[in-house]
């Protein structure tokens, strides 16, 4: 199955409530939740419920800009399907709202889909997560987010992520998210030019497609790798189940 990224919604909610409900999630897809808040102390867990059971998402990337902006990316592989009955729940440690965006990746690896990440903070008109290490394989889904302290306008998207753009803003949470499907192994980022100088935090994560041939090993082109765990590369048939 070819990779496909679909936005499933964005909102602001808080106090441990349901973040988003009435979701339809494709069985076997990877669910990705991007969050934005002023401080990392606000989030203790993110959970997907398929209508009957809870499944905890795993934190893949996060960064805190000294209580000005905090962003994170969580994911869950091989999600149970839900036909309009799915929901995302967040457990918050403070009485305040959390900004979030939900994406679904169809065609991602059923296990260990998460691959690379990068994260950075700053105060400027050019938020940029910095670039990840080169992806493990050619076909990967890239999802990025940046949050700002104040409301801003994005003048241009300048990095890897330029598709499925999602934006939400309220008095203290400002979230921008975007995606990209790549078909050649690459170092990836989320970057933009914004309207006013602002404190920001940004992170990006990549997710492997199922059944795709490996192009890199620990950031090196496969053709340049001579041994893996002491074995000649010519004698290695698979790595993590991939050729």
C-alpha atoms as a PDB file:
ATOM      1  CA  UNK A   1       0.000   0.000   0.000  1.00  0.00           C
ATOM      2  CA  UNK A   2       1.289   3.457  -0.907  1.00  0.00           C
ATOM      3  CA  UNK A   3       1.719   5.948   1.922  1.00  0.00           C
ATOM      4  CA  UNK A   4      -1.135   8.391   2.463  1.00  0.00           C
ATOM      5  CA  UNK A   5      -1.421  11.069   5.157  1.00  0.00           C
ATOM      6  CA  UNK A   6      -4.849  12.369   6.167  1.00  0.00           C
ATOM      7  CA  UNK A   7      -5.663  15.148   8.619  1.00  0.00           C
ATOM      8  CA  UNK A   8      -8.199  14.026  11.225  1.00  0.00           C
ATOM      9  CA  UNK A   9      -8.795  17.359  12.933  1.00  0.00           C
ATOM     10  CA  UNK A  10      -7.445  20.018  15.250  1.00  0.00           C
ATOM     11  CA  UNK A  11      -8.797  21.697  18.388  1.00  0.00           C
ATOM     12  CA  UNK A  12      -8.078  23.144  21.817  1.00  0.00           C
ATOM     13  CA  UNK A  13      -9.257  21.195  24.838  1.00  0.00           C
ATOM     14  CA  UNK A  14      -8.105  20.738  28.404  1.00  0.00           C
ATOM     15  CA  UNK A  15      -8.414  19.374  31.925  1.00  0.00           C
ATOM     16  CA  UNK A  16      -8.024  15.727  30.911  1.00  0.00           C
ATOM     17  CA  UNK A  17     -11.023  15.786  28.591  1.00  0.00           C
ATOM     18  CA  UNK A  18     -11.523  14.116  25.240  1.00  0.00           C
ATOM     19  CA  UNK A  19      -9.478  16.068  22.718  1.00  0.00           C
ATOM     20  CA  UNK A  20     -11.238  14.888  19.570  1.00  0.00           C
ATOM     21  CA  UNK A  21     -14.137  12.477  19.060  1.00  0.00           C
ATOM     22  CA  UNK A  22     -16.150  10.822  16.254  1.00  0.00           C
ATOM     23  CA  UNK A  23     -12.937   9.791  14.485  1.00  0.00           C
ATOM     24  CA  UNK A  24     -12.775   7.261  11.678  1.00  0.00           C
ATOM     25  CA  UNK A  25      -9.366   5.580  11.718  1.00  0.00           C
ATOM     26  CA  UNK A  26      -8.328   2.986   9.130  1.00  0.00           C
ATOM     27  CA  UNK A  27      -7.393  -0.326  10.743  1.00  0.00           C
ATOM     28  CA  UNK A  28      -3.615  -0.789  10.680  1.00  0.00           C
ATOM     29  CA  UNK A  29      -2.835   2.895  10.178  1.00  0.00           C
ATOM     30  CA  UNK A  30      -0.370   4.878  12.287  1.00  0.00           C
ATOM     31  CA  UNK A  31      -2.057   7.604  14.353  1.00  0.00           C
ATOM     32  CA  UNK A  32       0.044  10.733  14.951  1.00  0.00           C
ATOM     33  CA  UNK A  33      -0.884  13.468  17.441  1.00  0.00           C
ATOM     34  CA  UNK A  34       0.977  16.799  17.425  1.00  0.00           C
ATOM     35  CA  UNK A  35       0.554  19.007  20.506  1.00  0.00           C
ATOM     36  CA  UNK A  36       1.309  22.611  21.384  1.00  0.00           C
ATOM     37  CA  UNK A  37       1.293  24.375  24.730  1.00  0.00           C
ATOM     38  CA  UNK A  38       3.323  26.870  26.722  1.00  0.00           C
ATOM     39  CA  UNK A  39       4.942  24.295  28.978  1.00  0.00           C
ATOM     40  CA  UNK A  40       5.833  20.603  28.850  1.00  0.00           C
ATOM     41  CA  UNK A  41       4.499  20.184  32.395  1.00  0.00           C
ATOM     42  CA  UNK A  42       0.943  20.234  31.065  1.00  0.00           C
ATOM     43  CA  UNK A  43       0.891  16.801  29.352  1.00  0.00           C
ATOM     44  CA  UNK A  44       1.227  13.416  31.044  1.00  0.00           C
ATOM     45  CA  UNK A  45      -0.322  11.115  28.411  1.00  0.00           C
ATOM     46  CA  UNK A  46      -2.042  10.927  25.033  1.00  0.00           C
ATOM     47  CA  UNK A  47      -4.394   8.017  24.305  1.00  0.00           C
ATOM     48  CA  UNK A  48      -6.366   6.735  21.300  1.00  0.00           C
ATOM     49  CA  UNK A  49      -9.675   4.999  22.009  1.00  0.00           C
ATOM     50  CA  UNK A  50     -11.226   2.917  19.222  1.00  0.00           C
ATOM     51  CA  UNK A  51     -14.675   3.035  20.783  1.00  0.00           C
ATOM     52  CA  UNK A  52     -14.019   0.383  23.407  1.00  0.00           C
ATOM     53  CA  UNK A  53     -10.322   0.130  24.318  1.00  0.00           C
ATOM     54  CA  UNK A  54      -7.580   2.624  25.143  1.00  0.00           C
ATOM     55  CA  UNK A  55      -4.163   2.560  23.433  1.00  0.00           C
ATOM     56  CA  UNK A  56      -1.366   4.812  24.714  1.00  0.00           C
ATOM     57  CA  UNK A  57       0.607   6.780  22.143  1.00  0.00           C
ATOM     58  CA  UNK A  58       4.399   7.006  22.443  1.00  0.00           C
ATOM     59  CA  UNK A  59       6.254  10.322  22.584  1.00  0.00           C
ATOM     60  CA  UNK A  60       8.520  10.568  19.516  1.00  0.00           C
ATOM     61  CA  UNK A  61       9.823  14.143  19.621  1.00  0.00           C
ATOM     62  CA  UNK A  62       9.394  17.178  21.871  1.00  0.00           C
ATOM     63  CA  UNK A  63      11.058  20.419  22.869  1.00  0.00           C
ATOM     64  CA  UNK A  64      10.357  23.254  25.329  1.00  0.00           C
ATOM     65  CA  UNK A  65      11.260  26.893  24.762  1.00  0.00           C
ATOM     66  CA  UNK A  66      11.455  28.033  28.404  1.00  0.00           C
ATOM     67  CA  UNK A  67       7.686  28.268  28.977  1.00  0.00           C
ATOM     68  CA  UNK A  68       7.171  30.328  25.819  1.00  0.00           C
ATOM     69  CA  UNK A  69       6.256  27.416  23.561  1.00  0.00           C
ATOM     70  CA  UNK A  70       6.279  23.622  23.833  1.00  0.00           C
ATOM     71  CA  UNK A  71       5.571  21.110  21.058  1.00  0.00           C
ATOM     72  CA  UNK A  72       5.512  17.336  20.852  1.00  0.00           C
ATOM     73  CA  UNK A  73       4.720  14.490  18.459  1.00  0.00           C
ATOM     74  CA  UNK A  74       3.153  11.218  19.652  1.00  0.00           C
ATOM     75  CA  UNK A  75       2.338   8.139  17.567  1.00  0.00           C
ATOM     76  CA  UNK A  76       0.669   4.733  17.691  1.00  0.00           C
ATOM     77  CA  UNK A  77       1.449   1.973  15.163  1.00  0.00           C
ATOM     78  CA  UNK A  78      -1.078  -0.454  13.700  1.00  0.00           C
ATOM     79  CA  UNK A  79      -4.108   1.225  15.242  1.00  0.00           C
ATOM     80  CA  UNK A  80      -7.407  -0.584  15.694  1.00  0.00           C
ATOM     81  CA  UNK A  81      -9.976   0.686  13.209  1.00  0.00           C
ATOM     82  CA  UNK A  82     -12.852   2.932  14.253  1.00  0.00           C
ATOM     83  CA  UNK A  83     -15.812   3.880  12.058  1.00  0.00           C
ATOM     84  CA  UNK A  84     -16.780   7.217  13.550  1.00  0.00           C
ATOM     85  CA  UNK A  85     -16.325   6.005  17.139  1.00  0.00           C
ATOM     86  CA  UNK A  86     -12.635   6.808  17.694  1.00  0.00           C
ATOM     87  CA  UNK A  87     -11.332   9.509  19.991  1.00  0.00           C
ATOM     88  CA  UNK A  88      -8.097  11.076  21.212  1.00  0.00           C
ATOM     89  CA  UNK A  89      -7.783  11.766  24.933  1.00  0.00           C
ATOM     90  CA  UNK A  90      -5.142  13.754  26.755  1.00  0.00           C
ATOM     91  CA  UNK A  91      -4.301  13.765  30.455  1.00  0.00           C
ATOM     92  CA  UNK A  92      -3.215  17.247  31.512  1.00  0.00           C
ATOM     93  CA  UNK A  93      -1.511  18.254  34.738  1.00  0.00           C
ATOM     94  CA  UNK A  94      -2.719  21.848  34.831  1.00  0.00           C
ATOM     95  CA  UNK A  95      -6.096  23.512  34.353  1.00  0.00           C
ATOM     96  CA  UNK A  96      -5.509  24.864  30.888  1.00  0.00           C
ATOM     97  CA  UNK A  97      -6.060  23.978  27.252  1.00  0.00           C
ATOM     98  CA  UNK A  98      -3.891  21.971  24.894  1.00  0.00           C
ATOM     99  CA  UNK A  99      -3.663  22.641  21.168  1.00  0.00           C
ATOM    100  CA  UNK A 100      -3.386  19.559  19.007  1.00  0.00           C
ATOM    101  CA  UNK A 101      -3.520  18.207  15.455  1.00  0.00           C
ATOM    102  CA  UNK A 102      -4.267  14.575  14.548  1.00  0.00           C
ATOM    103  CA  UNK A 103      -3.002  12.824  11.409  1.00  0.00           C
ATOM    104  CA  UNK A 104      -3.435   9.282  10.106  1.00  0.00           C
ATOM    105  CA  UNK A 105      -0.725   7.549   8.053  1.00  0.00           C
ATOM    106  CA  UNK A 106      -2.029   4.685   5.911  1.00  0.00           C
ATOM    107  CA  UNK A 107       0.619   2.341   4.505  1.00  0.00           C
ATOM    108  CA  UNK A 108       3.070   2.838   7.392  1.00  0.00           C
ATOM    109  CA  UNK A 109       4.990  -0.109   8.819  1.00  0.00           C
ATOM    110  CA  UNK A 110       2.860  -2.131  11.228  1.00  0.00           C
ATOM    111  CA  UNK A 111       5.637  -2.104  13.854  1.00  0.00           C
ATOM    112  CA  UNK A 112       8.503   0.310  14.549  1.00  0.00           C
ATOM    113  CA  UNK A 113       7.204   2.811  11.978  1.00  0.00           C
ATOM    114  CA  UNK A 114       8.889   5.761  13.707  1.00  0.00           C
ATOM    115  CA  UNK A 115      12.287   6.493  12.186  1.00  0.00           C
ATOM    116  CA  UNK A 116      13.983   9.893  12.637  1.00  0.00           C
ATOM    117  CA  UNK A 117      13.289  13.165  14.453  1.00  0.00           C
ATOM    118  CA  UNK A 118      14.677  16.641  15.037  1.00  0.00           C
ATOM    119  CA  UNK A 119      13.692  19.541  17.292  1.00  0.00           C
ATOM    120  CA  UNK A 120      14.796  23.119  17.970  1.00  0.00           C
ATOM    121  CA  UNK A 121      13.697  26.381  19.593  1.00  0.00           C
ATOM    122  CA  UNK A 122      14.345  30.049  18.947  1.00  0.00           C
ATOM    123  CA  UNK A 123      13.051  33.603  18.767  1.00  0.00           C
ATOM    124  CA  UNK A 124      12.909  34.830  15.194  1.00  0.00           C
ATOM    125  CA  UNK A 125      10.728  35.006  12.074  1.00  0.00           C
ATOM    126  CA  UNK A 126      12.121  31.693  10.797  1.00  0.00           C
ATOM    127  CA  UNK A 127      11.033  28.712  12.924  1.00  0.00           C
ATOM    128  CA  UNK A 128      12.940  25.569  11.916  1.00  0.00           C
ATOM    129  CA  UNK A 129      13.126  22.165  13.597  1.00  0.00           C
ATOM    130  CA  UNK A 130      16.583  21.552  12.199  1.00  0.00           C
ATOM    131  CA  UNK A 131      17.146  18.542   9.965  1.00  0.00           C
ATOM    132  CA  UNK A 132      16.794  14.934  11.046  1.00  0.00           C
ATOM    133  CA  UNK A 133      19.334  12.266  10.206  1.00  0.00           C
ATOM    134  CA  UNK A 134      18.852  10.797   6.730  1.00  0.00           C
ATOM    135  CA  UNK A 135      15.806   8.535   6.689  1.00  0.00           C
ATOM    136  CA  UNK A 136      16.245   4.779   6.942  1.00  0.00           C
ATOM    137  CA  UNK A 137      14.546   4.201   3.586  1.00  0.00           C
ATOM    138  CA  UNK A 138      13.190   6.042   0.556  1.00  0.00           C
ATOM    139  CA  UNK A 139       9.451   5.975   1.225  1.00  0.00           C
ATOM    140  CA  UNK A 140       8.567   7.732   4.463  1.00  0.00           C
ATOM    141  CA  UNK A 141       5.884  10.018   5.876  1.00  0.00           C
ATOM    142  CA  UNK A 142       7.148  13.252   7.442  1.00  0.00           C
ATOM    143  CA  UNK A 143       5.086  15.186  10.000  1.00  0.00           C
ATOM    144  CA  UNK A 144       6.174  18.455  11.585  1.00  0.00           C
ATOM    145  CA  UNK A 145       4.808  21.038  13.996  1.00  0.00           C
ATOM    146  CA  UNK A 146       5.799  24.399  15.367  1.00  0.00           C
ATOM    147  CA  UNK A 147       4.170  26.424  18.103  1.00  0.00           C
ATOM    148  CA  UNK A 148       4.589  30.123  18.813  1.00  0.00           C
ATOM    149  CA  UNK A 149       3.995  32.260  21.887  1.00  0.00           C
ATOM    150  CA  UNK A 150       1.862  34.792  20.022  1.00  0.00           C
ATOM    151  CA  UNK A 151      -0.496  34.642  17.075  1.00  0.00           C
ATOM    152  CA  UNK A 152       1.352  34.753  13.750  1.00  0.00           C
ATOM    153  CA  UNK A 153       0.767  34.415  10.011  1.00  0.00           C
ATOM    154  CA  UNK A 154       2.831  31.966   7.970  1.00  0.00           C
ATOM    155  CA  UNK A 155       4.213  33.812   4.949  1.00  0.00           C
ATOM    156  CA  UNK A 156       5.882  30.746   3.420  1.00  0.00           C
ATOM    157  CA  UNK A 157       6.645  27.090   4.130  1.00  0.00           C
ATOM    158  CA  UNK A 158      10.362  26.612   3.561  1.00  0.00           C
ATOM    159  CA  UNK A 159      11.243  23.068   4.662  1.00  0.00           C
ATOM    160  CA  UNK A 160      10.310  19.481   3.870  1.00  0.00           C
ATOM    161  CA  UNK A 161       6.750  19.735   5.210  1.00  0.00           C
ATOM    162  CA  UNK A 162       4.448  21.724   2.900  1.00  0.00           C
ATOM    163  CA  UNK A 163       1.280  19.582   2.636  1.00  0.00           C
ATOM    164  CA  UNK A 164      -1.802  18.971   4.818  1.00  0.00           C
ATOM    165  CA  UNK A 165      -1.270  22.299   6.571  1.00  0.00           C
ATOM    166  CA  UNK A 166      -3.242  22.658   9.803  1.00  0.00           C
ATOM    167  CA  UNK A 167      -3.442  25.789  11.951  1.00  0.00           C
ATOM    168  CA  UNK A 168      -5.204  26.690  15.210  1.00  0.00           C
ATOM    169  CA  UNK A 169      -4.798  29.650  17.510  1.00  0.00           C
ATOM    170  CA  UNK A 170      -6.199  30.966  20.777  1.00  0.00           C
ATOM    171  CA  UNK A 171      -5.006  33.372  23.472  1.00  0.00           C
ATOM    172  CA  UNK A 172      -1.988  31.325  24.571  1.00  0.00           C
ATOM    173  CA  UNK A 173      -1.541  28.440  22.126  1.00  0.00           C
ATOM    174  CA  UNK A 174      -0.647  28.793  18.474  1.00  0.00           C
ATOM    175  CA  UNK A 175      -0.063  25.648  16.447  1.00  0.00           C
ATOM    176  CA  UNK A 176       1.059  25.084  12.855  1.00  0.00           C
ATOM    177  CA  UNK A 177       1.508  21.593  11.423  1.00  0.00           C
ATOM    178  CA  UNK A 178       2.337  20.219   7.977  1.00  0.00           C
ATOM    179  CA  UNK A 179       3.354  16.959   6.307  1.00  0.00           C
ATOM    180  CA  UNK A 180       5.142  15.458   3.310  1.00  0.00           C
ATOM    181  CA  UNK A 181       5.535  12.016   1.751  1.00  0.00           C
ATOM    182  CA  UNK A 182       9.096  11.537   0.502  1.00  0.00           C
ATOM    183  CA  UNK A 183      10.174   8.969  -2.071  1.00  0.00           C
ATOM    184  CA  UNK A 184      13.931   9.353  -1.726  1.00  0.00           C
ATOM    185  CA  UNK A 185      15.923   9.011   1.507  1.00  0.00           C
ATOM    186  CA  UNK A 186      16.569  12.472   2.933  1.00  0.00           C
ATOM    187  CA  UNK A 187      17.213  14.590   6.007  1.00  0.00           C
ATOM    188  CA  UNK A 188      13.880  16.254   6.851  1.00  0.00           C
ATOM    189  CA  UNK A 189      12.614  19.334   8.679  1.00  0.00           C
ATOM    190  CA  UNK A 190       9.715  21.693   9.181  1.00  0.00           C
ATOM    191  CA  UNK A 191      10.517  25.337   8.503  1.00  0.00           C
ATOM    192  CA  UNK A 192       8.611  28.509   7.746  1.00  0.00           C
ATOM    193  CA  UNK A 193       8.831  32.274   7.489  1.00  0.00           C
ATOM    194  CA  UNK A 194       6.345  33.997   9.802  1.00  0.00           C
ATOM    195  CA  UNK A 195       4.918  37.484   9.999  1.00  0.00           C
ATOM    196  CA  UNK A 196       6.461  38.695  13.262  1.00  0.00           C
ATOM    197  CA  UNK A 197       9.442  37.826  15.449  1.00  0.00           C
ATOM    198  CA  UNK A 198       8.281  35.311  18.031  1.00  0.00           C
ATOM    199  CA  UNK A 199       9.361  32.675  20.512  1.00  0.00           C
ATOM    200  CA  UNK A 200       8.835  29.282  18.876  1.00  0.00           C
ATOM    201  CA  UNK A 201       9.436  25.562  19.289  1.00  0.00           C
ATOM    202  CA  UNK A 202       9.481  23.108  16.376  1.00  0.00           C
ATOM    203  CA  UNK A 203       9.866  19.370  15.877  1.00  0.00           C
ATOM    204  CA  UNK A 204       9.595  16.857  13.055  1.00  0.00           C
ATOM    205  CA  UNK A 205       9.279  13.065  12.906  1.00  0.00           C
ATOM    206  CA  UNK A 206       9.460  10.562  10.052  1.00  0.00           C
ATOM    207  CA  UNK A 207       7.642   7.237   9.704  1.00  0.00           C
ATOM    208  CA  UNK A 208       8.631   4.297   7.519  1.00  0.00           C
ATOM    209  CA  UNK A 209       6.392   2.780   4.852  1.00  0.00           C
ATOM    210  CA  UNK A 210       5.712  -0.929   5.025  1.00  0.00           C
ATOM    211  CA  UNK A 211       7.810  -3.299   2.918  1.00  0.00           C
ATOM    212  CA  UNK A 212      10.224  -0.726   1.465  1.00  0.00           C
ATOM    213  CA  UNK A 213      13.862  -1.548   0.693  1.00  0.00           C
ATOM    214  CA  UNK A 214      16.507  -0.058   2.986  1.00  0.00           C
ATOM    215  CA  UNK A 215      18.621   2.746   1.529  1.00  0.00           C
ATOM    216  CA  UNK A 216      20.613   3.781   4.604  1.00  0.00           C
ATOM    217  CA  UNK A 217      22.094   2.089   7.683  1.00  0.00           C
ATOM    218  CA  UNK A 218      22.801   4.448  10.600  1.00  0.00           C
ATOM    219  CA  UNK A 219      22.717   7.370   8.170  1.00  0.00           C
ATOM    220  CA  UNK A 220      25.119   5.804   5.656  1.00  0.00           C
ATOM    221  CA  UNK A 221      24.119   4.814   2.150  1.00  0.00           C
ATOM    222  CA  UNK A 222      23.594   1.049   2.070  1.00  0.00           C
ATOM    223  CA  UNK A 223      26.076   0.722  -0.797  1.00  0.00           C
ATOM    224  CA  UNK A 224      28.847   2.158   1.392  1.00  0.00           C
ATOM    225  CA  UNK A 225      28.215  -0.151   4.375  1.00  0.00           C
ATOM    226  CA  UNK A 226      30.615  -3.115   4.483  1.00  0.00           C
ATOM    227  CA  UNK A 227      29.426  -4.935   7.604  1.00  0.00           C
ATOM    228  CA  UNK A 228      26.388  -5.051   9.898  1.00  0.00           C
ATOM    229  CA  UNK A 229      26.952  -6.576  13.374  1.00  0.00           C
ATOM    230  CA  UNK A 230      30.161  -8.147  12.059  1.00  0.00           C
ATOM    231  CA  UNK A 231      28.557  -9.725   8.985  1.00  0.00           C
ATOM    232  CA  UNK A 232      29.478  -8.757   5.455  1.00  0.00           C
ATOM    233  CA  UNK A 233      26.626  -6.642   4.024  1.00  0.00           C
ATOM    234  CA  UNK A 234      26.334  -9.103   1.123  1.00  0.00           C
ATOM    235  CA  UNK A 235      25.346 -11.801   3.615  1.00  0.00           C
ATOM    236  CA  UNK A 236      22.718  -9.685   5.389  1.00  0.00           C
ATOM    237  CA  UNK A 237      19.314 -10.424   3.908  1.00  0.00           C
ATOM    238  CA  UNK A 238      17.089  -8.239   6.084  1.00  0.00           C
ATOM    239  CA  UNK A 239      17.346  -5.521   8.748  1.00  0.00           C
ATOM    240  CA  UNK A 240      14.260  -5.064  10.939  1.00  0.00           C
ATOM    241  CA  UNK A 241      12.410  -7.256   8.468  1.00  0.00           C
ATOM    242  CA  UNK A 242      13.282  -5.133   5.425  1.00  0.00           C
ATOM    243  CA  UNK A 243      15.465  -6.179   2.501  1.00  0.00           C
END
